[in-house]
Structure formats: structure tokens, C-alpha cells
Protein backbone atom coordinates (compact mmCIF):
# COMPACT_ATOMS: atom_id res chain seq x y z
CA MET A 1 10.29 20.21 2.00
CA ILE A 2 6.61 20.20 1.04
CA SER A 3 7.23 22.99 -1.50
CA GLN A 4 9.84 20.93 -3.37
CA PRO A 5 8.73 20.00 -6.93
CA ALA A 6 9.33 16.29 -6.31
CA PHE A 7 6.88 16.39 -3.41
CA GLN A 8 4.38 18.76 -5.05
CA ARG A 9 4.16 16.20 -7.86
CA LEU A 10 2.12 14.04 -5.46
CA ARG A 11 -0.74 16.55 -5.82
CA ARG A 12 -1.04 15.21 -9.36
CA ILE A 13 -1.14 11.51 -8.47
CA ARG A 14 -4.40 9.96 -7.33
CA GLN A 15 -4.32 7.70 -4.32
CA LEU A 16 -6.62 5.05 -5.78
CA ALA A 17 -6.02 5.30 -9.54
CA TRP A 18 -9.37 5.02 -11.42
CA THR A 19 -11.43 4.00 -8.40
CA ASP A 20 -13.55 7.13 -8.89
CA TYR A 21 -15.17 5.28 -11.81
CA VAL A 22 -16.70 3.03 -9.14
CA TYR A 23 -16.75 5.32 -6.09
CA PRO A 24 -17.00 8.89 -7.49
CA GLY A 25 -15.56 10.53 -4.37
CA ALA A 26 -12.23 8.73 -4.61
CA MET A 27 -10.36 11.67 -6.10
CA HIS A 28 -7.87 12.19 -3.27
CA THR A 29 -4.15 12.22 -3.89
CA ARG A 30 -0.85 10.88 -2.59
CA PHE A 31 -0.07 14.44 -1.44
CA GLU A 32 -2.73 14.57 1.25
CA HIS A 33 -2.14 10.94 2.18
CA SER A 34 1.57 11.64 2.75
CA LEU A 35 0.76 14.57 5.04
CA GLY A 36 -1.64 12.31 6.93
CA VAL A 37 0.94 9.54 7.32
CA MET A 38 3.40 12.03 8.80
CA GLN A 39 0.78 13.20 11.29
CA VAL A 40 -0.22 9.67 12.32
CA ALA A 41 3.44 8.60 12.59
CA THR A 42 4.08 11.58 14.86
CA LEU A 43 1.16 10.68 17.10
CA LEU A 44 2.33 7.07 17.30
CA TYR A 45 5.92 8.09 18.01
CA ASP A 46 4.90 10.44 20.81
CA ALA A 47 2.59 7.82 22.32
CA ILE A 48 5.37 5.21 22.34
CA CYS A 49 7.82 7.64 23.93
CA ASP A 50 5.24 8.44 26.61
CA LYS A 51 4.19 4.85 27.36
CA SER A 52 7.53 3.07 26.87
CA ALA A 53 10.13 5.58 28.08
CA GLU A 54 11.92 3.04 30.29
CA ILE A 55 12.33 0.48 27.48
CA LEU A 56 13.57 3.12 25.05
CA LYS A 57 16.14 4.27 27.58
CA SER A 58 17.37 0.90 28.84
CA ASP A 59 17.10 -1.25 25.72
CA LEU A 60 17.89 1.30 23.00
CA ALA A 61 20.00 3.80 25.00
CA TYR A 62 17.89 6.79 24.07
CA ASN A 63 18.16 10.15 25.81
CA LYS A 64 16.03 13.24 25.25
CA ASP A 65 18.19 14.56 22.41
CA GLY A 66 18.23 11.19 20.64
CA LEU A 67 14.47 10.90 20.82
CA GLY A 68 14.10 14.46 19.51
CA ARG A 69 16.35 13.74 16.54
CA ASP A 70 14.67 10.47 15.66
CA ARG A 71 11.25 12.07 15.93
CA GLN A 72 12.21 14.28 13.00
CA LEU A 73 13.71 11.29 11.20
CA VAL A 74 10.46 9.33 11.52
CA ARG A 75 8.42 12.36 10.41
CA PHE A 76 10.57 12.77 7.29
CA ALA A 77 10.41 9.07 6.44
CA ALA A 78 6.62 9.06 6.85
CA LEU A 79 6.23 12.20 4.74
CA LEU A 80 8.44 10.97 1.89
CA HIS A 81 7.71 7.24 1.85
CA ASP A 82 5.41 7.57 -1.22
CA VAL A 83 7.28 10.30 -3.11
CA GLY A 84 8.31 7.75 -5.75
CA HIS A 85 4.82 6.62 -6.78
CA PRO A 86 4.10 6.42 -10.53
CA PRO A 87 1.04 7.97 -12.20
CA PHE A 88 -2.17 6.56 -10.71
CA SER A 89 -0.19 4.99 -7.84
CA HIS A 90 -0.24 1.20 -7.55
CA GLY A 91 -2.30 0.83 -10.69
CA SER A 92 0.74 1.24 -12.95
CA GLU A 93 3.49 -0.19 -10.76
CA ASP A 94 3.71 -3.34 -12.92
CA LEU A 95 5.40 -1.17 -15.55
CA PHE A 96 8.53 -0.47 -13.55
CA PRO A 97 11.72 -1.74 -15.20
CA ALA A 98 13.55 -4.81 -13.92
CA HIS A 99 16.81 -4.97 -11.98
CA ASP A 100 18.66 -8.16 -11.03
CA GLY A 101 15.69 -10.22 -12.17
CA LYS A 102 13.09 -8.27 -10.15
CA ASN A 103 10.97 -5.27 -11.00
CA TYR A 104 11.69 -2.06 -9.16
CA LYS A 105 9.05 -0.91 -6.66
CA HIS A 106 7.84 2.57 -5.86
CA GLU A 107 9.92 2.46 -2.66
CA ASP A 108 13.06 2.16 -4.81
CA TYR A 109 12.06 5.37 -6.57
CA SER A 110 11.23 7.06 -3.27
CA VAL A 111 14.67 6.44 -1.78
CA ALA A 112 16.37 7.44 -5.05
CA ILE A 113 14.47 10.75 -5.00
CA ILE A 114 15.34 11.34 -1.34
CA ARG A 115 19.03 10.67 -2.00
CA SER A 116 19.20 12.92 -5.05
CA GLU A 117 16.43 15.41 -5.76
CA LEU A 118 15.68 16.16 -2.10
CA ARG A 119 19.13 15.85 -0.57
CA SER A 120 20.01 19.54 -0.46
CA ALA A 121 16.54 20.54 0.78
CA ILE A 122 17.02 18.15 3.71
CA GLU A 123 20.65 18.65 4.61
CA GLU A 124 21.07 22.37 3.89
CA HIS A 125 17.93 23.62 5.63
CA SER A 126 18.77 26.00 8.48
CA LEU A 127 16.69 24.06 11.01
CA ASN A 128 18.68 20.92 10.31
CA ALA A 129 21.53 22.37 12.36
CA ASN A 130 19.49 21.21 15.37
CA TYR A 131 19.30 17.59 14.22
CA GLY A 132 22.13 16.83 11.80
CA LEU A 133 19.94 14.65 9.61
CA HIS A 134 21.24 13.26 6.33
CA ALA A 135 19.21 12.22 3.32
CA GLU A 136 20.80 8.80 3.68
CA ASP A 137 19.31 8.45 7.21
CA ILE A 138 15.80 9.01 5.86
CA ALA A 139 16.26 6.83 2.78
CA ALA A 140 17.65 4.00 4.90
CA LEU A 141 14.66 4.11 7.23
CA VAL A 142 12.21 4.12 4.31
CA GLU A 143 13.85 1.08 2.69
CA GLY A 144 14.57 -0.63 6.01
CA SER A 145 18.27 -1.09 5.31
CA ALA A 146 20.90 -1.97 7.88
CA LYS A 147 22.29 1.57 7.55
CA ALA A 148 19.32 2.98 9.46
CA ARG A 149 19.62 3.52 13.19
CA GLN A 150 17.25 1.12 15.01
CA PRO A 151 15.95 0.02 11.56
CA ILE A 152 13.75 -2.78 12.85
CA PHE A 153 12.08 -0.76 15.59
CA TRP A 154 11.12 2.60 14.04
CA ARG A 155 10.77 0.96 10.64
CA ASP A 156 7.58 -0.63 12.00
CA LEU A 157 5.99 2.84 12.03
CA ILE A 158 6.69 3.18 8.30
CA ALA A 159 6.05 -0.39 7.12
CA GLY A 160 4.77 -2.82 9.72
CA GLN A 161 1.61 -4.51 10.95
CA MET A 162 0.49 -1.28 12.64
CA ASP A 163 2.23 1.32 10.50
CA ALA A 164 1.13 4.91 9.99
CA ASP A 165 0.71 4.29 6.26
CA ARG A 166 -2.18 1.83 6.56
CA MET A 167 -3.68 3.66 9.54
CA ASP A 168 -4.03 6.74 7.36
CA TYR A 169 -5.07 5.14 4.07
CA LEU A 170 -7.79 3.02 5.67
CA LEU A 171 -9.53 6.02 7.20
CA ARG A 172 -8.85 8.32 4.25
CA ASP A 173 -9.85 5.84 1.53
CA SER A 174 -12.97 4.88 3.48
CA TYR A 175 -13.98 8.52 3.81
CA HIS A 176 -13.49 9.38 0.14
CA THR A 177 -15.12 6.25 -1.23
CA GLY A 178 -18.08 6.75 1.10
CA VAL A 179 -17.91 3.33 2.73
CA GLU A 180 -17.66 2.40 6.41
CA TYR A 181 -15.37 -0.61 6.05
CA GLY A 182 -12.14 1.25 6.82
CA GLY A 183 -13.13 2.48 10.27
CA TYR A 184 -11.21 1.46 13.40
CA ASP A 185 -10.42 3.04 16.79
CA LEU A 186 -7.26 5.08 16.19
CA LYS A 187 -7.57 6.87 19.54
CA ARG A 188 -7.58 3.58 21.40
CA ILE A 189 -4.51 2.39 19.51
CA LEU A 190 -2.71 5.60 20.44
CA THR A 191 -3.61 4.98 24.08
CA THR A 192 -2.45 1.37 24.14
CA ILE A 193 0.47 1.18 21.68
CA ARG A 194 3.70 0.02 23.32
CA ALA A 195 7.32 -0.88 22.73
CA ILE A 196 7.43 -4.54 23.73
CA ARG A 197 10.61 -6.34 24.70
CA SER A 198 11.57 -9.26 22.48
CA ARG A 199 13.36 -12.37 23.57
CA GLY A 200 16.83 -13.43 22.50
CA GLY A 201 18.39 -9.97 22.53
CA HIS A 202 16.35 -8.69 19.59
CA PRO A 203 15.22 -5.05 19.45
CA PRO A 204 11.78 -4.23 20.89
CA GLN A 205 8.68 -4.63 18.75
CA LEU A 206 5.66 -2.41 18.34
CA GLY A 207 2.49 -3.83 19.85
CA VAL A 208 -0.39 -2.97 22.12
CA SER A 209 -1.26 -3.51 25.75
CA ARG A 210 -3.89 -6.09 26.56
CA GLY A 211 -6.55 -3.40 26.85
CA GLY A 212 -6.02 -2.46 23.20
CA TRP A 213 -6.26 -5.80 21.46
CA HIS A 214 -9.79 -5.15 20.26
CA ALA A 215 -8.58 -1.91 18.64
CA ALA A 216 -5.77 -3.83 16.91
CA GLU A 217 -8.32 -6.43 15.85
CA GLY A 218 -10.46 -3.65 14.37
CA LEU A 219 -7.49 -2.39 12.35
CA VAL A 220 -6.91 -5.86 10.90
CA LEU A 221 -10.56 -6.30 9.99
CA ALA A 222 -10.78 -2.83 8.46
CA ARG A 223 -7.91 -3.70 6.17
CA TYR A 224 -9.54 -6.98 5.17
CA PHE A 225 -12.92 -5.38 4.44
CA MET A 226 -11.40 -2.54 2.44
CA PHE A 227 -9.50 -5.04 0.33
CA THR A 228 -12.53 -7.16 -0.51
CA GLN A 229 -14.96 -4.27 -0.98
CA VAL A 230 -12.79 -1.52 -2.50
CA TYR A 231 -9.23 -2.40 -3.50
CA PHE A 232 -10.15 -5.68 -5.22
CA HIS A 233 -13.54 -4.54 -6.47
CA LYS A 234 -14.19 -6.21 -9.83
CA THR A 235 -14.65 -3.00 -11.79
CA ARG A 236 -11.82 -1.15 -10.08
CA VAL A 237 -9.48 -4.01 -10.99
CA ALA A 238 -10.65 -3.88 -14.62
CA TYR A 239 -9.52 -0.26 -14.85
CA ASP A 240 -6.08 -1.21 -13.57
CA VAL A 241 -5.88 -3.59 -16.53
CA HIS A 242 -6.85 -0.84 -18.97
CA LEU A 243 -4.48 1.64 -17.34
CA ARG A 244 -1.53 -0.71 -17.75
CA GLY A 245 -2.49 -1.40 -21.35
CA ALA A 246 -2.76 2.29 -22.19
CA LEU A 247 0.53 3.15 -20.48
CA LYS A 248 2.35 0.46 -22.44
CA LYS A 249 1.40 2.51 -25.52
CA LEU A 250 2.27 5.86 -23.95
CA LEU A 251 5.58 5.12 -22.22
CA PRO A 252 8.85 4.85 -24.17
CA HIS A 253 9.45 1.12 -24.66
CA GLY A 254 6.32 0.46 -22.56
CA ARG A 255 8.18 0.96 -19.25
CA PHE A 256 8.89 3.78 -16.82
CA PRO A 257 12.43 5.21 -16.80
CA LEU A 258 15.02 3.82 -14.38
CA PRO A 259 15.39 5.41 -10.89
CA THR A 260 18.89 6.67 -11.67
CA GLY A 261 20.52 9.87 -12.96
CA GLU A 262 18.76 11.66 -15.79
CA SER A 263 16.28 8.79 -16.10
CA LEU A 264 14.97 9.64 -12.63
CA LYS A 265 14.41 13.26 -13.69
CA SER A 266 12.52 11.97 -16.71
CA TYR A 267 10.44 9.71 -14.44
CA LEU A 268 9.43 12.67 -12.27
CA ARG A 269 7.84 14.31 -15.31
CA TRP A 270 5.28 11.51 -15.45
CA ASP A 271 2.14 12.18 -13.42
CA ASP A 272 -1.63 11.80 -13.81
CA TRP A 273 -1.97 15.13 -15.62
CA ARG A 274 0.45 14.09 -18.32
CA VAL A 275 -1.21 10.72 -18.79
CA LEU A 276 -4.70 12.23 -18.86
CA GLY A 277 -3.56 14.77 -21.44
CA LEU A 278 -2.25 12.03 -23.69
CA LEU A 279 -5.40 9.96 -23.23
CA GLY A 280 -7.54 13.02 -23.94
CA SER A 281 -5.73 13.54 -27.23
CA GLY A 282 -6.79 10.06 -28.34
CA LYS A 283 -3.64 8.13 -27.49
CA GLY A 284 -3.33 4.91 -25.47
CA GLY A 285 -4.66 2.45 -28.01
CA ALA A 286 -7.74 0.31 -27.38
CA ASP A 287 -7.27 0.49 -23.61
CA GLY A 288 -7.13 4.27 -23.80
CA THR A 289 -10.47 4.19 -25.59
CA CYS A 290 -11.93 1.99 -22.84
CA LEU A 291 -10.76 4.49 -20.21
CA ARG A 292 -12.20 7.47 -22.06
CA SER A 293 -15.55 5.81 -22.75
CA ARG A 294 -15.86 3.89 -19.47
CA ASN A 295 -16.51 0.76 -21.49
CA HIS A 296 -14.41 -1.61 -19.45
CA TYR A 297 -13.83 -5.36 -19.44
CA ARG A 298 -16.52 -7.36 -17.64
CA ARG A 299 -15.80 -9.93 -14.98
CA VAL A 300 -17.41 -13.14 -16.19
CA TYR A 301 -16.09 -15.65 -13.66
CA GLU A 302 -14.55 -15.62 -10.18
CA THR A 303 -13.31 -18.07 -7.59
CA PRO A 304 -14.28 -17.71 -3.91
CA GLU A 305 -12.34 -15.28 -1.71
CA VAL A 306 -10.52 -18.23 -0.15
CA SER A 307 -10.21 -20.71 -2.99
CA THR A 308 -9.51 -24.42 -2.67
CA LYS A 309 -7.77 -26.80 -5.05
CA LYS A 310 -11.19 -27.83 -6.36
CA ASP A 311 -12.08 -24.18 -7.02
CA PHE A 312 -8.92 -23.68 -9.04
CA GLU A 313 -9.55 -26.85 -11.02
CA MET A 314 -12.97 -25.50 -12.01
CA PHE A 315 -11.36 -22.15 -12.81
CA GLU A 316 -8.96 -23.83 -15.24
CA LYS A 317 -11.87 -25.67 -16.90
CA VAL A 318 -13.74 -22.41 -17.38
CA LYS A 319 -10.64 -20.67 -18.66
CA ARG A 320 -10.03 -23.39 -21.24
CA ARG A 321 -13.66 -23.29 -22.35
CA LEU A 322 -13.55 -19.53 -22.81
CA GLY A 323 -10.33 -19.75 -24.80
CA LYS A 324 -9.56 -16.58 -26.72
CA LEU A 325 -12.52 -14.78 -25.19
CA VAL A 326 -10.45 -14.25 -22.00
CA ALA A 327 -9.23 -10.66 -22.05
CA ALA A 328 -7.58 -10.58 -18.61
CA GLU A 329 -6.94 -12.70 -15.54
CA GLU A 330 -6.39 -10.90 -12.22
CA SER A 331 -5.44 -12.49 -8.91
CA ALA A 332 -5.87 -11.11 -5.39
CA ALA A 333 -2.65 -12.88 -4.45
CA LYS A 334 -0.76 -10.56 -6.81
CA SER A 335 -2.57 -7.39 -5.77
CA TRP A 336 -0.60 -4.52 -4.24
CA TYR A 337 -2.98 -4.53 -1.25
CA LYS A 338 -2.65 -7.86 0.48
CA THR A 339 -4.33 -9.31 3.54
CA GLY A 340 -3.25 -12.11 5.81
CA PRO A 341 -2.99 -13.07 9.46
CA PRO A 342 -0.77 -10.50 11.21
CA ASP A 343 1.38 -11.13 14.24
CA ILE A 344 0.83 -8.07 16.41
CA PRO A 345 2.25 -8.65 19.90
CA VAL A 346 -0.04 -7.98 22.88
CA VAL A 347 1.50 -7.38 26.33
CA ASP A 348 -0.05 -7.51 29.78
CA ASP A 349 0.94 -4.24 31.48
CA HIS A 350 0.82 -5.95 34.88
CA ASN A 351 3.11 -8.75 33.68
CA PRO A 352 5.48 -7.50 30.94
CA LYS A 353 6.76 -11.03 30.33
CA ASP A 354 3.27 -12.10 29.24
CA VAL A 355 3.46 -11.33 25.52
CA ARG A 356 1.16 -13.13 23.09
CA PRO A 357 0.27 -12.65 19.42
CA LEU A 358 -3.04 -10.98 18.67
CA SER A 359 -4.38 -14.22 17.20
CA LYS A 360 -4.22 -15.81 20.66
CA TYR A 361 -6.80 -13.28 21.85
CA SER A 362 -8.86 -12.84 18.68
CA SER A 363 -10.63 -15.85 17.21
CA VAL A 364 -11.62 -13.64 14.27
CA VAL A 365 -8.02 -12.78 13.41
CA ARG A 366 -7.00 -16.38 14.02
CA GLY A 367 -9.54 -17.52 11.45
CA LEU A 368 -8.59 -15.03 8.73
CA LYS A 369 -7.05 -16.51 5.63
CA ALA A 370 -5.28 -14.76 2.80
CA ASN A 371 -7.50 -13.85 -0.13
CA ASN A 372 -6.44 -15.85 -3.20
CA GLN A 373 -9.45 -15.05 -5.37
CA VAL A 374 -9.05 -14.88 -9.15
CA PHE A 375 -11.17 -12.96 -11.68
CA LEU A 376 -11.61 -13.68 -15.39
CA TYR A 377 -12.56 -10.80 -17.70
CA VAL A 378 -13.91 -10.59 -21.22
CA ALA A 379 -14.62 -7.71 -23.57
CA PRO A 380 -18.18 -6.30 -23.19
CA GLU A 381 -19.26 -7.57 -26.59
CA ASN A 382 -18.22 -11.11 -25.62
CA PHE A 383 -19.93 -11.22 -22.24
CA ASP A 384 -23.12 -13.05 -23.29
CA SER A 385 -21.20 -15.62 -25.30
CA ALA A 386 -18.80 -16.19 -22.39
CA GLU A 387 -21.63 -16.65 -19.91
CA SER A 388 -23.22 -19.20 -22.22
CA ARG A 389 -20.00 -21.22 -22.42
CA ILE A 390 -19.56 -21.10 -18.64
CA GLY A 391 -23.15 -22.19 -18.18
CA GLU A 392 -22.45 -25.34 -20.19
CA ILE A 393 -19.73 -26.31 -17.71
CA THR A 394 -21.49 -25.38 -14.47
CA LYS A 395 -24.72 -27.05 -15.62
CA HIS A 396 -22.80 -30.25 -16.25
CA VAL A 397 -21.16 -29.99 -12.81
CA ARG A 398 -24.53 -29.54 -11.04
CA LYS A 399 -25.87 -32.66 -12.73
């Protein structure tokens, strides 16, 4: 599977777009991240099977063969969940075409690739005789559709509050950017992760035992810190703006091809190497020039991380005063990496009926609020003029 061209393409797609312009070590790719997610998902799966064998057997009717088959299913889903990413990952996802009034997401491309380009590699492999997996099984688990067996339960390992995806990218992104914000205790999570019975006949949920709530808390905080310090860094965000602007000039009709038929094959020919080649040849318009010269837009105004109505009113005043000097407006609320209060269940091993959300134990998690910060950017040559205009407003407010 890893040798398939559709998966090898991930070697040519950076995990964090142009973040290396801020943190020079951030040159890692979706390829290595995908391998890491598969490994973490496997560790989580094995830990759950070890710690929650009775629940898996009684509530979900698993036997040894069923668990062995679904282990491979989870590994495939974890490995292939990002195979549909566009060049420079999330940075260009705004340029996906629309369908039924909504833009496609990279997950839509991932499942399309699994169902088409990778189908024969999955279903016709000699080892698959042991499992009988179908491409549809893997695609359904990745997208969380009702066609997936136990979609709510194992889906949490692929896209949930404690999924393998974020567990890998936090540690990996932290390592490559050279910051400490993404650290958390993965070993403790593996020791304390559990399948927890839900009420009302619903499938079990993934959570932790009471002894692991601090580790879960650490995971939540790591995600919050990485968002504020890396993913929504003012300069990193500016390069997302320039990337989108340049790609609108480079892509046919300013959009990526559809995730269907021959259009999907055309989409798979777009990767970082192709985009960099085009930029290097002088294409991409004014934004391409900004990327080549590292002469990016400058953030001239920002609201607090948790903004109030009053903050947004001041923001609108500043925006009106700047007028045509505003080159871009970027909101944390619309970022691909979001933070917010999670609802990770915590169970008392001595009293399995005692299940509480993590926020009941952690005052820190309970106090977290979603980041709704907004940045205003101007062109470098307009920065001094913009600051002067803003100063007129803020000086008046202080008086």
C-alpha cells in the first residue's frame, strides 16, 4: 500500500505548508505523519482491546477473529485518512470546489482515492485473504458513514477527541518546529484509555480511567498551545493567504479538480513540487512574488484570543478606518485547527457507573474557551500608514 503512487504523493506534501518560513525545521510531510498515525492508532487499539476486553465482547459482540480483522481496518483508515490532502495541506483547502452548496474537504478526496485509485491494491493483495477487507469498509470508517461497522466507536480513533491523528501531529509538529507546546504523556494515555459504556443503549465511547485524566488534560492543553503559538501564528497565517492567492492564479479556474473520475487523476498530479516549480518560474502573480521573496503581509491589528462584543466593535472601527489598506482578514474561528472544550469521558475503574466528563475533574479544561481571535493584515509598504490610522482611534479611546 505504501508503495502506491497515490500514497507516495504524500512525500511531496508538507505537513504545515509554509510554516518553515517561521520555524525553519517544519519541513516534515504528510507521508511521515500518516505512518505515525497508523502506529499510534495501532497502539491505542491494542490498549483498548487489552483493558476493555469484556465490554468489546459483551456490548459489541467481538471475538478474536473480529478484533483481528478490525485491527487491520483501523490501521488502514489511519494510514490513508490524509491521502487526499492538497498541496501544502490545509493551507490551500479553501480552493476545493463546491458541492451541494458546501466546499469539498480533504476527507472527501481521501475516500474517493481509497474507493478508486487504491481499491485493487487493498482488495487484491494476497494477505487480504485473511481479512476480507473492502475499500468501502476503509472509506466508510474514514468518513464516519453509517456503512462502517461500529462507525461511532472505532471512528473515534480516526477523528475524535483523543484520536491518533492529533496525538501524532502534536508531538511531530512540536518536534519539527522546535517548540515544547505539543508535549503530553502518550504513555499514560495508552495505559489508561478505555472503552466506556454509554447510557441509553448507545455504543461505547473512548475515554480514560480516573488515573489518566491529567494525561487527557495535557493532551487538550497541548492542542490549545500549539494552536495559539504555531498554527495561528501571525506570520504563518499570512503565508496561507499568499499561498491561496498564488494558487488561484496557478489552478485552472482557480480551483482544484473535482474528486471524481478523470478529474481525481488530475488532482493527484498536484503536489508541492509542481506548485514550487511554477512559483520558481515566476508564476503565481503578486502573491507568488511575496512567497518567493518572503515579503509577506504584516499583521497590523488583532483582537484578543477570546474576543468580546466590545472587542469586535473596536475591530470594526479599525477596519473602517483602514479602508482599502486592509489586504486580508483572518479569523481563528475559521482556521482548520480549532480548539474548544472537549467532552472526554472519565471512568472510575472501581465503579464503572461513575462516568464524568473531563471538565468535571479539570478546572483548566472547564475554563477553556474557543479562540475567536481575528487578524488584520496590510501590505508591508502600508504598515506605517496603517499603524498611524489605528493610533488615531486607540488614542481617542484611551482619552
